[in-house]
Amino acid sequence: MTVTRPDDEEGVCGAITQVFSLLGKRWSGLIIATLLDGPARFSRIVRLVPGVSERMMSERLSELAAAGLVAREVHEGPPVTVQYRLTPRGEALRPALAELERWGSEQLVEPGATPAAVGAARSGPSRRAGHGAQ
């Protein structure tokens, strides 16, 4: 199936280009997948997305917030805490990420491979996109 622009010019649809320019950045999809399980503090997200630096996490969270996918919430203390959560726009990615997880399981993972073996075989971290989605 070829996705074309609405004006029938050859090439990739502008919408899919925008999706991948945002979600195709390293860590962005994994951050969203992590937040599908619910709001989380910065330190928890860093822990659940192994290999990402705090600086890069901060940059990606800012980009996702600017795109309207993630909201940063400050809870007055003491102590003051900051949580990140998906906005309704970010939550709308749940079915797409679940489908990508299904496709990856069928097309990219060898039958019988354990999650640890799959993670070790990849250059990046392994995080289930649809975790928590039913």
C-alpha atoms as a PDB file:
ATOM      1  CA  MET A   1       0.000   0.000   0.000  1.00  0.00           C
ATOM      2  CA  THR A   2       1.355   3.385  -0.958  1.00  0.00           C
ATOM      3  CA  VAL A   3       0.396   6.394   1.097  1.00  0.00           C
ATOM      4  CA  THR A   4       0.202   9.446  -1.110  1.00  0.00           C
ATOM      5  CA  ARG A   5      -0.454  13.091  -0.580  1.00  0.00           C
ATOM      6  CA  PRO A   6      -4.076  14.213  -0.813  1.00  0.00           C
ATOM      7  CA  ASP A   7      -3.276  16.117  -4.010  1.00  0.00           C
ATOM      8  CA  ASP A   8      -2.115  12.824  -5.617  1.00  0.00           C
ATOM      9  CA  GLU A   9       1.487  13.952  -6.014  1.00  0.00           C
ATOM     10  CA  GLU A  10       3.911  11.078  -5.689  1.00  0.00           C
ATOM     11  CA  GLY A  11       5.606  10.782  -2.328  1.00  0.00           C
ATOM     12  CA  VAL A  12       4.824  10.093   1.248  1.00  0.00           C
ATOM     13  CA  CYS A  13       1.786  11.690   2.831  1.00  0.00           C
ATOM     14  CA  GLY A  14       2.545  14.841   4.821  1.00  0.00           C
ATOM     15  CA  ALA A  15       0.792  13.470   7.904  1.00  0.00           C
ATOM     16  CA  ILE A  16       2.906  10.305   8.066  1.00  0.00           C
ATOM     17  CA  THR A  17       6.026  12.419   7.541  1.00  0.00           C
ATOM     18  CA  GLN A  18       5.036  14.560  10.527  1.00  0.00           C
ATOM     19  CA  VAL A  19       4.320  11.482  12.651  1.00  0.00           C
ATOM     20  CA  PHE A  20       7.732   9.971  12.007  1.00  0.00           C
ATOM     21  CA  SER A  21       9.570  13.276  12.372  1.00  0.00           C
ATOM     22  CA  LEU A  22       8.207  13.431  15.926  1.00  0.00           C
ATOM     23  CA  LEU A  23       7.845   9.816  17.038  1.00  0.00           C
ATOM     24  CA  GLY A  24      10.778   8.581  14.991  1.00  0.00           C
ATOM     25  CA  LYS A  25      13.219  10.466  17.184  1.00  0.00           C
ATOM     26  CA  ARG A  26      15.129   8.172  19.478  1.00  0.00           C
ATOM     27  CA  TRP A  27      13.366   7.686  22.822  1.00  0.00           C
ATOM     28  CA  SER A  28      10.125   9.520  21.922  1.00  0.00           C
ATOM     29  CA  GLY A  29       8.052   6.410  21.267  1.00  0.00           C
ATOM     30  CA  LEU A  30       9.437   4.707  24.354  1.00  0.00           C
ATOM     31  CA  ILE A  31       8.610   7.711  26.517  1.00  0.00           C
ATOM     32  CA  ILE A  32       5.034   7.715  25.253  1.00  0.00           C
ATOM     33  CA  ALA A  33       4.795   3.942  25.758  1.00  0.00           C
ATOM     34  CA  THR A  34       6.003   4.391  29.336  1.00  0.00           C
ATOM     35  CA  LEU A  35       3.397   7.069  30.010  1.00  0.00           C
ATOM     36  CA  LEU A  36       0.628   4.814  28.675  1.00  0.00           C
ATOM     37  CA  ASP A  37       0.838   3.135  32.082  1.00  0.00           C
ATOM     38  CA  GLY A  38      -0.073   6.434  33.750  1.00  0.00           C
ATOM     39  CA  PRO A  39       1.563   9.621  35.007  1.00  0.00           C
ATOM     40  CA  ALA A  40       5.165   9.334  36.158  1.00  0.00           C
ATOM     41  CA  ARG A  41       7.890  11.434  37.674  1.00  0.00           C
ATOM     42  CA  PHE A  42      10.972  12.268  35.640  1.00  0.00           C
ATOM     43  CA  SER A  43      13.219   9.864  37.565  1.00  0.00           C
ATOM     44  CA  ARG A  44      10.826   6.962  36.983  1.00  0.00           C
ATOM     45  CA  ILE A  45      10.666   7.611  33.241  1.00  0.00           C
ATOM     46  CA  VAL A  46      14.476   7.723  33.065  1.00  0.00           C
ATOM     47  CA  ARG A  47      14.598   4.412  34.955  1.00  0.00           C
ATOM     48  CA  LEU A  48      12.043   2.764  32.646  1.00  0.00           C
ATOM     49  CA  VAL A  49      13.773   3.928  29.453  1.00  0.00           C
ATOM     50  CA  PRO A  50      17.263   2.521  29.972  1.00  0.00           C
ATOM     51  CA  GLY A  51      20.127   4.176  28.169  1.00  0.00           C
ATOM     52  CA  VAL A  52      18.622   7.661  27.884  1.00  0.00           C
ATOM     53  CA  SER A  53      20.512  10.508  29.558  1.00  0.00           C
ATOM     54  CA  GLU A  54      18.686  12.972  31.780  1.00  0.00           C
ATOM     55  CA  ARG A  55      19.508  15.771  29.336  1.00  0.00           C
ATOM     56  CA  MET A  56      18.051  13.851  26.394  1.00  0.00           C
ATOM     57  CA  MET A  57      14.986  12.845  28.441  1.00  0.00           C
ATOM     58  CA  SER A  58      14.372  16.478  29.315  1.00  0.00           C
ATOM     59  CA  GLU A  59      14.732  17.482  25.657  1.00  0.00           C
ATOM     60  CA  ARG A  60      12.345  14.763  24.426  1.00  0.00           C
ATOM     61  CA  LEU A  61       9.747  15.521  27.121  1.00  0.00           C
ATOM     62  CA  SER A  62       9.864  19.204  26.134  1.00  0.00           C
ATOM     63  CA  GLU A  63       9.371  18.303  22.454  1.00  0.00           C
ATOM     64  CA  LEU A  64       6.476  15.979  23.259  1.00  0.00           C
ATOM     65  CA  ALA A  65       4.900  18.664  25.456  1.00  0.00           C
ATOM     66  CA  ALA A  66       5.285  21.260  22.686  1.00  0.00           C
ATOM     67  CA  ALA A  67       3.536  18.835  20.315  1.00  0.00           C
ATOM     68  CA  GLY A  68       0.647  18.531  22.764  1.00  0.00           C
ATOM     69  CA  LEU A  69       1.245  14.843  23.541  1.00  0.00           C
ATOM     70  CA  VAL A  70       2.602  15.161  27.085  1.00  0.00           C
ATOM     71  CA  ALA A  71       1.665  17.495  29.925  1.00  0.00           C
ATOM     72  CA  ARG A  72       4.031  18.559  32.698  1.00  0.00           C
ATOM     73  CA  GLU A  73       2.274  18.941  36.041  1.00  0.00           C
ATOM     74  CA  VAL A  74       3.821  20.628  39.066  1.00  0.00           C
ATOM     75  CA  HIS A  75       2.332  19.585  42.414  1.00  0.00           C
ATOM     76  CA  GLU A  76       2.961  22.042  45.214  1.00  0.00           C
ATOM     77  CA  GLY A  77       4.700  20.545  48.220  1.00  0.00           C
ATOM     78  CA  PRO A  78       6.234  20.235  50.406  1.00  0.00           C
ATOM     79  CA  PRO A  79       7.999  18.738  48.631  1.00  0.00           C
ATOM     80  CA  VAL A  80       7.253  20.132  45.185  1.00  0.00           C
ATOM     81  CA  THR A  81       6.981  17.292  42.678  1.00  0.00           C
ATOM     82  CA  VAL A  82       6.737  17.219  38.904  1.00  0.00           C
ATOM     83  CA  GLN A  83       4.864  14.553  36.988  1.00  0.00           C
ATOM     84  CA  TYR A  84       4.411  13.918  33.307  1.00  0.00           C
ATOM     85  CA  ARG A  85       1.256  12.463  31.792  1.00  0.00           C
ATOM     86  CA  LEU A  86      -0.187  11.904  28.367  1.00  0.00           C
ATOM     87  CA  THR A  87      -2.708  14.414  27.132  1.00  0.00           C
ATOM     88  CA  PRO A  88      -5.813  13.102  25.348  1.00  0.00           C
ATOM     89  CA  ARG A  89      -3.875  13.661  22.112  1.00  0.00           C
ATOM     90  CA  GLY A  90      -1.014  11.505  23.437  1.00  0.00           C
ATOM     91  CA  GLU A  91      -3.408   8.891  24.783  1.00  0.00           C
ATOM     92  CA  ALA A  92      -4.901   8.649  21.291  1.00  0.00           C
ATOM     93  CA  LEU A  93      -1.632   6.955  20.250  1.00  0.00           C
ATOM     94  CA  ARG A  94      -2.448   3.881  22.366  1.00  0.00           C
ATOM     95  CA  PRO A  95      -4.087   1.836  19.559  1.00  0.00           C
ATOM     96  CA  ALA A  96      -1.326   2.710  17.085  1.00  0.00           C
ATOM     97  CA  LEU A  97       1.442   1.748  19.525  1.00  0.00           C
ATOM     98  CA  ALA A  98      -0.367  -1.471  20.446  1.00  0.00           C
ATOM     99  CA  GLU A  99      -0.582  -2.322  16.741  1.00  0.00           C
ATOM    100  CA  LEU A 100       3.124  -1.544  16.268  1.00  0.00           C
ATOM    101  CA  GLU A 101       3.906  -3.824  19.201  1.00  0.00           C
ATOM    102  CA  ARG A 102       1.809  -6.591  17.662  1.00  0.00           C
ATOM    103  CA  TRP A 103       3.518  -6.142  14.297  1.00  0.00           C
ATOM    104  CA  GLY A 104       6.959  -6.168  15.911  1.00  0.00           C
ATOM    105  CA  SER A 105       6.155  -9.328  17.825  1.00  0.00           C
ATOM    106  CA  GLU A 106       5.028 -11.048  14.639  1.00  0.00           C
ATOM    107  CA  GLN A 107       7.578  -9.684  12.189  1.00  0.00           C
ATOM    108  CA  LEU A 108      10.726  -8.796  14.116  1.00  0.00           C
ATOM    109  CA  VAL A 109      10.914 -11.174  17.062  1.00  0.00           C
ATOM    110  CA  GLU A 110      11.952 -14.767  16.514  1.00  0.00           C
ATOM    111  CA  PRO A 111       9.406 -17.299  17.812  1.00  0.00           C
ATOM    112  CA  GLY A 112      10.234 -18.431  21.333  1.00  0.00           C
ATOM    113  CA  ALA A 113      12.578 -15.506  22.045  1.00  0.00           C
ATOM    114  CA  THR A 114      12.420 -14.258  25.618  1.00  0.00           C
ATOM    115  CA  PRO A 115      12.032 -10.518  26.288  1.00  0.00           C
ATOM    116  CA  ALA A 116      15.569 -10.446  27.732  1.00  0.00           C
ATOM    117  CA  ALA A 117      17.005 -12.085  24.614  1.00  0.00           C
ATOM    118  CA  VAL A 118      15.110  -9.684  22.367  1.00  0.00           C
ATOM    119  CA  GLY A 119      16.408  -6.682  24.340  1.00  0.00           C
ATOM    120  CA  ALA A 120      19.978  -7.985  24.228  1.00  0.00           C
ATOM    121  CA  ALA A 121      19.750  -8.524  20.474  1.00  0.00           C
ATOM    122  CA  ARG A 122      18.747  -4.902  19.840  1.00  0.00           C
ATOM    123  CA  SER A 123      21.075  -1.948  19.968  1.00  0.00           C
ATOM    124  CA  GLY A 124      18.543   0.041  21.982  1.00  0.00           C
ATOM    125  CA  PRO A 125      16.339  -0.635  24.981  1.00  0.00           C
ATOM    126  CA  SER A 126      13.341  -2.925  24.811  1.00  0.00           C
ATOM    127  CA  ARG A 127      10.032  -1.448  25.994  1.00  0.00           C
ATOM    128  CA  ARG A 128       6.608  -2.840  25.231  1.00  0.00           C
ATOM    129  CA  ALA A 129       4.629  -0.151  23.408  1.00  0.00           C
ATOM    130  CA  GLY A 130       1.239  -1.537  24.282  1.00  0.00           C
ATOM    131  CA  HIS A 131       2.001  -2.368  27.901  1.00  0.00           C
ATOM    132  CA  GLY A 132      -1.081  -1.574  29.880  1.00  0.00           C
ATOM    133  CA  ALA A 133      -3.266  -1.371  26.772  1.00  0.00           C
ATOM    134  CA  GLN A 134      -6.078  -3.888  26.631  1.00  0.00           C
END
